[in-house]
PDB file of N, CA and C in Angstrom:
ATOM      1  N   MET A   1     105.787 138.855  99.127  1.00  0.00           N
ATOM      2  CA  MET A   1     105.504 137.451  99.397  1.00  0.00           C
ATOM      3  C   MET A   1     104.866 136.849  98.143  1.00  0.00           C
ATOM      4  N   ASN A   2     105.436 135.754  97.686  1.00  0.00           N
ATOM      5  CA  ASN A   2     104.885 135.121  96.494  1.00  0.00           C
ATOM      6  C   ASN A   2     103.684 134.245  96.860  1.00  0.00           C
ATOM      7  N   ALA A   3     103.040 133.670  95.843  1.00  0.00           N
ATOM      8  CA  ALA A   3     101.803 132.917  96.041  1.00  0.00           C
ATOM      9  C   ALA A   3     102.020 131.670  96.888  1.00  0.00           C
ATOM     10  N   VAL A   4     103.159 131.002  96.731  1.00  0.00           N
ATOM     11  CA  VAL A   4     103.427 129.777  97.497  1.00  0.00           C
ATOM     12  C   VAL A   4     103.551 130.102  98.985  1.00  0.00           C
ATOM     13  N   GLU A   5     104.285 131.151  99.304  1.00  0.00           N
ATOM     14  CA  GLU A   5     104.458 131.537 100.710  1.00  0.00           C
ATOM     15  C   GLU A   5     103.150 132.035 101.305  1.00  0.00           C
ATOM     16  N   ALA A   6     102.372 132.788 100.521  1.00  0.00           N
ATOM     17  CA  ALA A   6     101.073 133.274 101.011  1.00  0.00           C
ATOM     18  C   ALA A   6     100.135 132.105 101.279  1.00  0.00           C
ATOM     19  N   CYS A   7     100.156 131.120 100.408  1.00  0.00           N
ATOM     20  CA  CYS A   7      99.320 129.926 100.599  1.00  0.00           C
ATOM     21  C   CYS A   7      99.777 129.152 101.835  1.00  0.00           C
ATOM     22  N   TYR A   8     101.082 129.095 102.051  1.00  0.00           N
ATOM     23  CA  TYR A   8     101.636 128.424 103.230  1.00  0.00           C
ATOM     24  C   TYR A   8     101.164 129.111 104.508  1.00  0.00           C
ATOM     25  N   VAL A   9     101.203 130.441 104.518  1.00  0.00           N
ATOM     26  CA  VAL A   9     100.793 131.209 105.700  1.00  0.00           C
ATOM     27  C   VAL A   9      99.299 131.021 105.963  1.00  0.00           C
ATOM     28  N   LEU A  10      98.490 131.069 104.904  1.00  0.00           N
ATOM     29  CA  LEU A  10      97.041 130.869 105.074  1.00  0.00           C
ATOM     30  C   LEU A  10      96.730 129.459 105.564  1.00  0.00           C
ATOM     31  N   THR A  11      97.446 128.481 105.049  1.00  0.00           N
ATOM     32  CA  THR A  11      97.223 127.099 105.479  1.00  0.00           C
ATOM     33  C   THR A  11      97.607 126.933 106.943  1.00  0.00           C
ATOM     34  N   GLU A  12      98.698 127.553 107.349  1.00  0.00           N
ATOM     35  CA  GLU A  12      99.122 127.501 108.752  1.00  0.00           C
ATOM     36  C   GLU A  12      98.069 128.130 109.659  1.00  0.00           C
ATOM     37  N   GLU A  13      97.536 129.255 109.234  1.00  0.00           N
ATOM     38  CA  GLU A  13      96.494 129.933 110.007  1.00  0.00           C
ATOM     39  C   GLU A  13      95.230 129.077 110.078  1.00  0.00           C
ATOM     40  N   LEU A  14      94.897 128.436 108.975  1.00  0.00           N
ATOM     41  CA  LEU A  14      93.724 127.564 108.926  1.00  0.00           C
ATOM     42  C   LEU A  14      93.887 126.378 109.869  1.00  0.00           C
ATOM     43  N   ILE A  15      95.066 125.812 109.921  1.00  0.00           N
ATOM     44  CA  ILE A  15      95.321 124.678 110.809  1.00  0.00           C
ATOM     45  C   ILE A  15      95.204 125.108 112.270  1.00  0.00           C
ATOM     46  N   THR A  16      95.728 126.276 112.617  1.00  0.00           N
ATOM     47  CA  THR A  16      95.622 126.738 114.009  1.00  0.00           C
ATOM     48  C   THR A  16      94.166 127.000 114.386  1.00  0.00           C
ATOM     49  N   VAL A  17      93.382 127.512 113.451  1.00  0.00           N
ATOM     50  CA  VAL A  17      91.949 127.743 113.722  1.00  0.00           C
ATOM     51  C   VAL A  17      91.242 126.410 113.949  1.00  0.00           C
ATOM     52  N   LEU A  18      91.547 125.424 113.118  1.00  0.00           N
ATOM     53  CA  LEU A  18      90.877 124.129 113.223  1.00  0.00           C
ATOM     54  C   LEU A  18      91.297 123.342 114.464  1.00  0.00           C
ATOM     55  N   LYS A  19      92.486 123.570 114.942  1.00  0.00           N
ATOM     56  CA  LYS A  19      92.934 122.883 116.157  1.00  0.00           C
ATOM     57  C   LYS A  19      92.231 123.424 117.396  1.00  0.00           C
ATOM     58  N   LYS A  20      91.738 124.655 117.334  1.00  0.00           N
ATOM     59  CA  LYS A  20      91.090 125.274 118.483  1.00  0.00           C
ATOM     60  C   LYS A  20      89.583 125.055 118.516  1.00  0.00           C
ATOM     61  N   VAL A  21      89.040 124.323 117.563  1.00  0.00           N
ATOM     62  CA  VAL A  21      87.596 124.157 117.472  1.00  0.00           C
ATOM     63  C   VAL A  21      87.060 123.346 118.652  1.00  0.00           C
ATOM     64  N   THR A  22      85.957 123.821 119.205  1.00  0.00           N
ATOM     65  CA  THR A  22      85.216 123.090 120.237  1.00  0.00           C
ATOM     66  C   THR A  22      83.779 122.977 119.771  1.00  0.00           C
ATOM     67  N   SER A  23      83.011 122.143 120.440  1.00  0.00           N
ATOM     68  CA  SER A  23      81.621 121.964 120.020  1.00  0.00           C
ATOM     69  C   SER A  23      80.800 123.238 120.235  1.00  0.00           C
ATOM     70  N   ASP A  24      81.208 124.071 121.195  1.00  0.00           N
ATOM     71  CA  ASP A  24      80.482 125.312 121.447  1.00  0.00           C
ATOM     72  C   ASP A  24      80.787 126.385 120.401  1.00  0.00           C
ATOM     73  N   SER A  25      82.033 126.441 119.958  1.00  0.00           N
ATOM     74  CA  SER A  25      82.448 127.494 119.029  1.00  0.00           C
ATOM     75  C   SER A  25      82.545 126.993 117.593  1.00  0.00           C
ATOM     76  N   ARG A  26      81.915 125.882 117.296  1.00  0.00           N
ATOM     77  CA  ARG A  26      82.071 125.278 115.975  1.00  0.00           C
ATOM     78  C   ARG A  26      81.516 126.161 114.859  1.00  0.00           C
ATOM     79  N   ASP A  27      80.384 126.815 115.074  1.00  0.00           N
ATOM     80  CA  ASP A  27      79.783 127.647 114.030  1.00  0.00           C
ATOM     81  C   ASP A  27      80.691 128.818 113.653  1.00  0.00           C
ATOM     82  N   LYS A  28      81.240 129.493 114.660  1.00  0.00           N
ATOM     83  CA  LYS A  28      82.143 130.611 114.384  1.00  0.00           C
ATOM     84  C   LYS A  28      83.418 130.120 113.700  1.00  0.00           C
ATOM     85  N   THR A  29      83.891 128.964 114.120  1.00  0.00           N
ATOM     86  CA  THR A  29      85.101 128.401 113.523  1.00  0.00           C
ATOM     87  C   THR A  29      84.863 128.042 112.065  1.00  0.00           C
ATOM     88  N   ILE A  30      83.696 127.503 111.775  1.00  0.00           N
ATOM     89  CA  ILE A  30      83.382 127.136 110.395  1.00  0.00           C
ATOM     90  C   ILE A  30      83.305 128.378 109.513  1.00  0.00           C
ATOM     91  N   GLU A  31      82.753 129.470 110.041  1.00  0.00           N
ATOM     92  CA  GLU A  31      82.689 130.713 109.265  1.00  0.00           C
ATOM     93  C   GLU A  31      84.095 131.231 108.953  1.00  0.00           C
ATOM     94  N   SER A  32      84.962 131.260 109.951  1.00  0.00           N
ATOM     95  CA  SER A  32      86.324 131.737 109.707  1.00  0.00           C
ATOM     96  C   SER A  32      87.083 130.774 108.797  1.00  0.00           C
ATOM     97  N   MET A  33      86.799 129.479 108.924  1.00  0.00           N
ATOM     98  CA  MET A  33      87.421 128.487 108.064  1.00  0.00           C
ATOM     99  C   MET A  33      87.012 128.704 106.610  1.00  0.00           C
ATOM    100  N   GLN A  34      85.749 129.006 106.382  1.00  0.00           N
ATOM    101  CA  GLN A  34      85.274 129.248 105.021  1.00  0.00           C
ATOM    102  C   GLN A  34      85.939 130.479 104.408  1.00  0.00           C
ATOM    103  N   GLU A  35      86.122 131.530 105.213  1.00  0.00           N
ATOM    104  CA  GLU A  35      86.788 132.728 104.712  1.00  0.00           C
ATOM    105  C   GLU A  35      88.231 132.424 104.321  1.00  0.00           C
ATOM    106  N   LEU A  36      88.934 131.692 105.188  1.00  0.00           N
ATOM    107  CA  LEU A  36      90.327 131.357 104.901  1.00  0.00           C
ATOM    108  C   LEU A  36      90.447 130.439 103.681  1.00  0.00           C
ATOM    109  N   LEU A  37      89.525 129.494 103.558  1.00  0.00           N
ATOM    110  CA  LEU A  37      89.558 128.602 102.403  1.00  0.00           C
ATOM    111  C   LEU A  37      89.275 129.362 101.108  1.00  0.00           C
ATOM    112  N   ALA A  38      88.390 130.370 101.173  1.00  0.00           N
ATOM    113  CA  ALA A  38      88.097 131.185  99.985  1.00  0.00           C
ATOM    114  C   ALA A  38      89.334 131.977  99.560  1.00  0.00           C
ATOM    115  N   LYS A  39      90.041 132.549 100.544  1.00  0.00           N
ATOM    116  CA  LYS A  39      91.278 133.281 100.226  1.00  0.00           C
ATOM    117  C   LYS A  39      92.320 132.342  99.632  1.00  0.00           C
ATOM    118  N   ARG A  40      92.415 131.164 100.220  1.00  0.00           N
ATOM    119  CA  ARG A  40      93.401 130.180  99.755  1.00  0.00           C
ATOM    120  C   ARG A  40      93.065 129.691  98.351  1.00  0.00           C
ATOM    121  N   GLU A  41      91.780 129.550  98.082  1.00  0.00           N
ATOM    122  CA  GLU A  41      91.342 129.101  96.759  1.00  0.00           C
ATOM    123  C   GLU A  41      91.713 130.121  95.677  1.00  0.00           C
ATOM    124  N   GLN A  42      91.704 131.388  96.031  1.00  0.00           N
ATOM    125  CA  GLN A  42      92.101 132.421  95.076  1.00  0.00           C
ATOM    126  C   GLN A  42      93.603 132.386  94.803  1.00  0.00           C
ATOM    127  N   LEU A  43      94.383 131.949  95.790  1.00  0.00           N
ATOM    128  CA  LEU A  43      95.840 131.891  95.624  1.00  0.00           C
ATOM    129  C   LEU A  43      96.312 130.680  94.821  1.00  0.00           C
ATOM    130  N   LEU A  44      95.596 129.573  94.913  1.00  0.00           N
ATOM    131  CA  LEU A  44      96.057 128.331  94.285  1.00  0.00           C
ATOM    132  C   LEU A  44      96.288 128.456  92.779  1.00  0.00           C
ATOM    133  N   PRO A  45      95.433 129.127  92.010  1.00  0.00           N
ATOM    134  CA  PRO A  45      95.723 129.238  90.569  1.00  0.00           C
ATOM    135  C   PRO A  45      96.975 130.072  90.262  1.00  0.00           C
ATOM    136  N   LEU A  46      97.410 130.893  91.213  1.00  0.00           N
ATOM    137  CA  LEU A  46      98.586 131.726  90.994  1.00  0.00           C
ATOM    138  C   LEU A  46      99.893 130.962  91.162  1.00  0.00           C
ATOM    139  N   ILE A  47      99.818 129.760  91.708  1.00  0.00           N
ATOM    140  CA  ILE A  47     101.028 128.950  91.926  1.00  0.00           C
ATOM    141  C   ILE A  47     101.326 128.200  90.624  1.00  0.00           C
ATOM    142  N   LYS A  48     102.371 128.654  89.939  1.00  0.00           N
ATOM    143  CA  LYS A  48     102.738 128.041  88.660  1.00  0.00           C
ATOM    144  C   LYS A  48     104.259 127.884  88.589  1.00  0.00           C
ATOM    145  N   PRO A  49     104.728 126.807  87.954  1.00  0.00           N
ATOM    146  CA  PRO A  49     106.175 126.636  87.783  1.00  0.00           C
ATOM    147  C   PRO A  49     106.705 127.643  86.762  1.00  0.00           C
ATOM    148  N   PRO A  50     107.953 127.885  86.689  1.00  0.00           N
ATOM    149  CA  PRO A  50     109.082 127.281  87.390  1.00  0.00           C
ATOM    150  C   PRO A  50     109.219 127.856  88.800  1.00  0.00           C
ATOM    151  N   PHE A  51     109.640 127.007  89.728  1.00  0.00           N
ATOM    152  CA  PHE A  51     109.778 127.400  91.125  1.00  0.00           C
ATOM    153  C   PHE A  51     111.246 127.602  91.473  1.00  0.00           C
ATOM    154  N   SER A  52     111.480 128.566  92.345  1.00  0.00           N
ATOM    155  CA  SER A  52     112.838 128.747  92.869  1.00  0.00           C
ATOM    156  C   SER A  52     113.080 127.694  93.946  1.00  0.00           C
ATOM    157  N   GLU A  53     114.305 127.618  94.436  1.00  0.00           N
ATOM    158  CA  GLU A  53     114.618 126.624  95.477  1.00  0.00           C
ATOM    159  C   GLU A  53     113.807 126.887  96.734  1.00  0.00           C
ATOM    160  N   GLN A  54     113.677 128.146  97.093  1.00  0.00           N
ATOM    161  CA  GLN A  54     112.920 128.501  98.292  1.00  0.00           C
ATOM    162  C   GLN A  54     111.444 128.130  98.113  1.00  0.00           C
ATOM    163  N   GLU A  55     110.884 128.394  96.948  1.00  0.00           N
ATOM    164  CA  GLU A  55     109.487 128.041  96.686  1.00  0.00           C
ATOM    165  C   GLU A  55     109.296 126.526  96.710  1.00  0.00           C
ATOM    166  N   ALA A  56     110.271 125.781  96.231  1.00  0.00           N
ATOM    167  CA  ALA A  56     110.178 124.319  96.251  1.00  0.00           C
ATOM    168  C   ALA A  56     110.184 123.796  97.683  1.00  0.00           C
ATOM    169  N   LEU A  57     111.016 124.374  98.551  1.00  0.00           N
ATOM    170  CA  LEU A  57     111.042 123.961  99.962  1.00  0.00           C
ATOM    171  C   LEU A  57     109.722 124.287 100.650  1.00  0.00           C
ATOM    172  N   VAL A  58     109.214 125.486 100.394  1.00  0.00           N
ATOM    173  CA  VAL A  58     107.931 125.885 100.982  1.00  0.00           C
ATOM    174  C   VAL A  58     106.817 124.993 100.436  1.00  0.00           C
ATOM    175  N   GLY A  59     106.921 124.619  99.163  1.00  0.00           N
ATOM    176  CA  GLY A  59     105.923 123.728  98.564  1.00  0.00           C
ATOM    177  C   GLY A  59     105.906 122.361  99.226  1.00  0.00           C
ATOM    178  N   LYS A  60     107.077 121.833  99.569  1.00  0.00           N
ATOM    179  CA  LYS A  60     107.130 120.541 100.266  1.00  0.00           C
ATOM    180  C   LYS A  60     106.492 120.646 101.647  1.00  0.00           C
ATOM    181  N   LYS A  61     106.755 121.756 102.335  1.00  0.00           N
ATOM    182  CA  LYS A  61     106.124 121.968 103.637  1.00  0.00           C
ATOM    183  C   LYS A  61     104.620 122.113 103.476  1.00  0.00           C
ATOM    184  N   LEU A  62     104.214 122.745 102.381  1.00  0.00           N
ATOM    185  CA  LEU A  62     102.793 122.947 102.106  1.00  0.00           C
ATOM    186  C   LEU A  62     102.068 121.623 101.887  1.00  0.00           C
ATOM    187  N   ILE A  63     102.743 120.670 101.258  1.00  0.00           N
ATOM    188  CA  ILE A  63     102.145 119.353 101.038  1.00  0.00           C
ATOM    189  C   ILE A  63     101.917 118.649 102.377  1.00  0.00           C
ATOM    190  N   VAL A  64     102.876 118.748 103.281  1.00  0.00           N
ATOM    191  CA  VAL A  64     102.726 118.155 104.612  1.00  0.00           C
ATOM    192  C   VAL A  64     101.578 118.823 105.364  1.00  0.00           C
ATOM    193  N   GLN A  65     101.528 120.151 105.249  1.00  0.00           N
ATOM    194  CA  GLN A  65     100.436 120.893 105.888  1.00  0.00           C
ATOM    195  C   GLN A  65      99.086 120.475 105.327  1.00  0.00           C
ATOM    196  N   GLN A  66      99.025 120.258 104.023  1.00  0.00           N
ATOM    197  CA  GLN A  66      97.765 119.874 103.386  1.00  0.00           C
ATOM    198  C   GLN A  66      97.262 118.548 103.939  1.00  0.00           C
ATOM    199  N   GLN A  67      98.156 117.618 104.199  1.00  0.00           N
ATOM    200  CA  GLN A  67      97.751 116.333 104.767  1.00  0.00           C
ATOM    201  C   GLN A  67      97.169 116.521 106.164  1.00  0.00           C
ATOM    202  N   GLU A  68      97.797 117.375 106.960  1.00  0.00           N
ATOM    203  CA  GLU A  68      97.273 117.645 108.299  1.00  0.00           C
ATOM    204  C   GLU A  68      95.933 118.368 108.216  1.00  0.00           C
ATOM    205  N   LEU A  69      95.818 119.300 107.280  1.00  0.00           N
ATOM    206  CA  LEU A  69      94.564 120.033 107.085  1.00  0.00           C
ATOM    207  C   LEU A  69      93.438 119.086 106.690  1.00  0.00           C
ATOM    208  N   ASP A  70      93.728 118.151 105.781  1.00  0.00           N
ATOM    209  CA  ASP A  70      92.725 117.162 105.375  1.00  0.00           C
ATOM    210  C   ASP A  70      92.252 116.340 106.572  1.00  0.00           C
ATOM    211  N   ARG A  71      93.206 115.944 107.423  1.00  0.00           N
ATOM    212  CA  ARG A  71      92.856 115.147 108.608  1.00  0.00           C
ATOM    213  C   ARG A  71      91.956 115.940 109.555  1.00  0.00           C
ATOM    214  N   LEU A  72      92.287 117.213 109.787  1.00  0.00           N
ATOM    215  CA  LEU A  72      91.491 118.046 110.682  1.00  0.00           C
ATOM    216  C   LEU A  72      90.093 118.293 110.117  1.00  0.00           C
ATOM    217  N   LEU A  73      90.009 118.537 108.819  1.00  0.00           N
ATOM    218  CA  LEU A  73      88.698 118.744 108.190  1.00  0.00           C
ATOM    219  C   LEU A  73      87.851 117.485 108.258  1.00  0.00           C
ATOM    220  N   LEU A  74      88.475 116.339 108.098  1.00  0.00           N
ATOM    221  CA  LEU A  74      87.753 115.072 108.192  1.00  0.00           C
ATOM    222  C   LEU A  74      87.229 114.858 109.611  1.00  0.00           C
ATOM    223  N   ASN A  75      88.022 115.219 110.623  1.00  0.00           N
ATOM    224  CA  ASN A  75      87.577 115.098 112.009  1.00  0.00           C
ATOM    225  C   ASN A  75      86.364 115.976 112.273  1.00  0.00           C
ATOM    226  N   ILE A  76      86.394 117.201 111.769  1.00  0.00           N
ATOM    227  CA  ILE A  76      85.251 118.100 111.962  1.00  0.00           C
ATOM    228  C   ILE A  76      84.024 117.551 111.254  1.00  0.00           C
ATOM    229  N   LYS A  77      84.208 117.032 110.048  1.00  0.00           N
ATOM    230  CA  LYS A  77      83.088 116.456 109.301  1.00  0.00           C
ATOM    231  C   LYS A  77      82.479 115.283 110.077  1.00  0.00           C
ATOM    232  N   GLN A  78      83.318 114.424 110.631  1.00  0.00           N
ATOM    233  CA  GLN A  78      82.827 113.274 111.391  1.00  0.00           C
ATOM    234  C   GLN A  78      82.090 113.720 112.651  1.00  0.00           C
ATOM    235  N   ASP A  79      82.586 114.762 113.320  1.00  0.00           N
ATOM    236  CA  ASP A  79      81.895 115.284 114.503  1.00  0.00           C
ATOM    237  C   ASP A  79      80.513 115.812 114.141  1.00  0.00           C
ATOM    238  N   ILE A  80      80.421 116.508 113.031  1.00  0.00           N
ATOM    239  CA  ILE A  80      79.125 117.048 112.588  1.00  0.00           C
ATOM    240  C   ILE A  80      78.180 115.910 112.235  1.00  0.00           C
ATOM    241  N   GLN A  81      78.685 114.884 111.545  1.00  0.00           N
ATOM    242  CA  GLN A  81      77.845 113.739 111.209  1.00  0.00           C
ATOM    243  C   GLN A  81      77.363 113.016 112.455  1.00  0.00           C
ATOM    244  N   LYS A  82      78.244 112.892 113.468  1.00  0.00           N
ATOM    245  CA  LYS A  82      77.851 112.254 114.725  1.00  0.00           C
ATOM    246  C   LYS A  82      76.726 113.033 115.394  1.00  0.00           C
ATOM    247  N   ASP A  83      76.865 114.356 115.416  1.00  0.00           N
ATOM    248  CA  ASP A  83      75.831 115.195 116.009  1.00  0.00           C
ATOM    249  C   ASP A  83      74.512 115.065 115.256  1.00  0.00           C
ATOM    250  N   MET A  84      74.596 115.021 113.939  1.00  0.00           N
ATOM    251  CA  MET A  84      73.374 114.894 113.138  1.00  0.00           C
ATOM    252  C   MET A  84      72.704 113.541 113.366  1.00  0.00           C
ATOM    253  N   ASN A  85      73.501 112.473 113.438  1.00  0.00           N
ATOM    254  CA  ASN A  85      72.937 111.146 113.700  1.00  0.00           C
ATOM    255  C   ASN A  85      72.315 111.086 115.093  1.00  0.00           C
ATOM    256  N   GLY A  86      72.972 111.691 116.071  1.00  0.00           N
ATOM    257  CA  GLY A  86      72.414 111.724 117.428  1.00  0.00           C
ATOM    258  C   GLY A  86      71.108 112.486 117.471  1.00  0.00           C
ATOM    259  N   LEU A  87      71.026 113.568 116.722  1.00  0.00           N
ATOM    260  CA  LEU A  87      69.800 114.355 116.672  1.00  0.00           C
ATOM    261  C   LEU A  87      68.671 113.556 116.030  1.00  0.00           C
ATOM    262  N   THR A  88      68.988 112.808 114.982  1.00  0.00           N
ATOM    263  CA  THR A  88      67.986 111.976 114.323  1.00  0.00           C
ATOM    264  C   THR A  88      67.491 110.886 115.271  1.00  0.00           C
ATOM    265  N   LYS A  89      68.402 110.283 116.016  1.00  0.00           N
ATOM    266  CA  LYS A  89      68.001 109.246 116.970  1.00  0.00           C
ATOM    267  C   LYS A  89      67.139 109.827 118.078  1.00  0.00           C
ATOM    268  N   LYS A  90      67.491 111.012 118.556  1.00  0.00           N
ATOM    269  CA  LYS A  90      66.683 111.665 119.586  1.00  0.00           C
ATOM    270  C   LYS A  90      65.277 111.937 119.078  1.00  0.00           C
ATOM    271  N   LYS A  91      65.210 112.397 117.850  1.00  0.00           N
ATOM    272  CA  LYS A  91      63.920 112.726 117.260  1.00  0.00           C
ATOM    273  C   LYS A  91      63.038 111.487 117.153  1.00  0.00           C
ATOM    274  N   SER A  92      63.609 110.388 116.656  1.00  0.00           N
ATOM    275  CA  SER A  92      62.816 109.169 116.492  1.00  0.00           C
ATOM    276  C   SER A  92      62.433 108.568 117.838  1.00  0.00           C
ATOM    277  N   SER A  93      63.321 108.619 118.828  1.00  0.00           N
ATOM    278  CA  SER A  93      62.967 108.068 120.142  1.00  0.00           C
ATOM    279  C   SER A  93      61.911 108.935 120.822  1.00  0.00           C
ATOM    280  N   MET A  94      61.952 110.232 120.580  1.00  0.00           N
ATOM    281  CA  MET A  94      60.926 111.123 121.133  1.00  0.00           C
ATOM    282  C   MET A  94      59.561 110.816 120.516  1.00  0.00           C
ATOM    283  N   LYS A  95      59.548 110.557 119.216  1.00  0.00           N
ATOM    284  CA  LYS A  95      58.284 110.205 118.552  1.00  0.00           C
ATOM    285  C   LYS A  95      57.735 108.897 119.107  1.00  0.00           C
ATOM    286  N   ARG A  96      58.620 107.920 119.312  1.00  0.00           N
ATOM    287  CA  ARG A  96      58.182 106.634 119.860  1.00  0.00           C
ATOM    288  C   ARG A  96      57.678 106.785 121.294  1.00  0.00           C
ATOM    289  N   TYR A  97      58.264 107.687 122.049  1.00  0.00           N
ATOM    290  CA  TYR A  97      57.838 107.902 123.421  1.00  0.00           C
ATOM    291  C   TYR A  97      56.472 108.576 123.450  1.00  0.00           C
ATOM    292  N   ILE A  98      56.246 109.536 122.572  1.00  0.00           N
ATOM    293  CA  ILE A  98      54.976 110.258 122.548  1.00  0.00           C
ATOM    294  C   ILE A  98      53.852 109.364 122.045  1.00  0.00           C
ATOM    295  N   ASN A  99      54.096 108.607 120.983  1.00  0.00           N
ATOM    296  CA  ASN A  99      53.068 107.738 120.416  1.00  0.00           C
ATOM    297  C   ASN A  99      53.654 106.342 120.209  1.00  0.00           C
ATOM    298  N   PRO A 100      53.632 105.499 121.242  1.00  0.00           N
ATOM    299  CA  PRO A 100      54.278 104.191 121.140  1.00  0.00           C
ATOM    300  C   PRO A 100      53.563 103.212 120.211  1.00  0.00           C
ATOM    301  N   TYR A 101      52.306 103.462 119.877  1.00  0.00           N
ATOM    302  CA  TYR A 101      51.546 102.519 119.049  1.00  0.00           C
ATOM    303  C   TYR A 101      51.484 102.937 117.588  1.00  0.00           C
ATOM    304  N   GLU A 102      52.268 103.922 117.202  1.00  0.00           N
ATOM    305  CA  GLU A 102      52.236 104.430 115.833  1.00  0.00           C
ATOM    306  C   GLU A 102      52.750 103.399 114.829  1.00  0.00           C
ATOM    307  N   ASN A 103      53.817 102.737 115.131  1.00  0.00           N
ATOM    308  CA  ASN A 103      54.436 101.810 114.183  1.00  0.00           C
ATOM    309  C   ASN A 103      54.227 100.362 114.609  1.00  0.00           C
ATOM    310  N   MET A 104      53.006  99.997 114.884  1.00  0.00           N
ATOM    311  CA  MET A 104      52.739  98.609 115.265  1.00  0.00           C
ATOM    312  C   MET A 104      52.756  97.720 114.036  1.00  0.00           C
ATOM    313  N   GLN A 105      53.263  96.537 114.210  1.00  0.00           N
ATOM    314  CA  GLN A 105      53.248  95.580 113.110  1.00  0.00           C
ATOM    315  C   GLN A 105      51.913  94.873 113.085  1.00  0.00           C
ATOM    316  N   THR A 106      51.385  94.715 111.895  1.00  0.00           N
ATOM    317  CA  THR A 106      50.091  94.037 111.770  1.00  0.00           C
ATOM    318  C   THR A 106      50.255  92.618 111.256  1.00  0.00           C
ATOM    319  N   ASP A 107      51.460  92.168 111.060  1.00  0.00           N
ATOM    320  CA  ASP A 107      51.695  90.789 110.636  1.00  0.00           C
ATOM    321  C   ASP A 107      51.339  89.857 111.781  1.00  0.00           C
ATOM    322  N   GLY A 108      50.712  88.754 111.445  1.00  0.00           N
ATOM    323  CA  GLY A 108      50.404  87.769 112.451  1.00  0.00           C
ATOM    324  C   GLY A 108      48.979  87.876 112.993  1.00  0.00           C
ATOM    325  N   PHE A 109      48.266  88.932 112.621  1.00  0.00           N
ATOM    326  CA  PHE A 109      46.872  89.031 113.053  1.00  0.00           C
ATOM    327  C   PHE A 109      46.019  88.140 112.140  1.00  0.00           C
ATOM    328  N   PHE A 110      45.011  87.578 112.734  1.00  0.00           N
ATOM    329  CA  PHE A 110      44.112  86.735 111.960  1.00  0.00           C
ATOM    330  C   PHE A 110      42.687  87.176 112.248  1.00  0.00           C
ATOM    331  N   LEU A 111      41.953  87.454 111.160  1.00  0.00           N
ATOM    332  CA  LEU A 111      40.544  87.827 111.298  1.00  0.00           C
ATOM    333  C   LEU A 111      39.700  86.671 110.786  1.00  0.00           C
ATOM    334  N   ASP A 112      38.817  86.177 111.611  1.00  0.00           N
ATOM    335  CA  ASP A 112      37.953  85.096 111.240  1.00  0.00           C
ATOM    336  C   ASP A 112      36.690  85.684 110.660  1.00  0.00           C
ATOM    337  N   LYS A 113      36.446  85.462 109.358  1.00  0.00           N
ATOM    338  CA  LYS A 113      35.274  86.053 108.703  1.00  0.00           C
ATOM    339  C   LYS A 113      34.062  85.116 108.787  1.00  0.00           C
ATOM    340  N   ARG A 114      34.288  83.918 109.229  1.00  0.00           N
ATOM    341  CA  ARG A 114      33.153  83.001 109.313  1.00  0.00           C
ATOM    342  C   ARG A 114      32.326  83.284 110.548  1.00  0.00           C
ATOM    343  N   ASN A 115      31.051  83.119 110.434  1.00  0.00           N
ATOM    344  CA  ASN A 115      30.155  83.301 111.604  1.00  0.00           C
ATOM    345  C   ASN A 115      29.450  82.038 111.926  1.00  0.00           C
TER     346      ASN A 115
END
């Protein structure tokens, strides 16, 4: 198997892993995703022209796969950002609930110094 076909197979495997991700299994999925991306990263420098007809066809399929992979990775990134933002909001609302007078505004107060 040449480098183009090996990269195609790894990308296909990566896409199937990313399609199965759930919020409960996200950590394990990210670990396996990192391993697959590391293997794929080692293969990419080995892909060099001139390409045979079969390698060119696999390369075109690989480009389509890459677009789908980018979309799936972006979805996972957005889910993680949403979770992080929700956690930050929970944290700040919890602080406000525990100590509601912590961030009081002092604008508008007037102290009369005359006696």
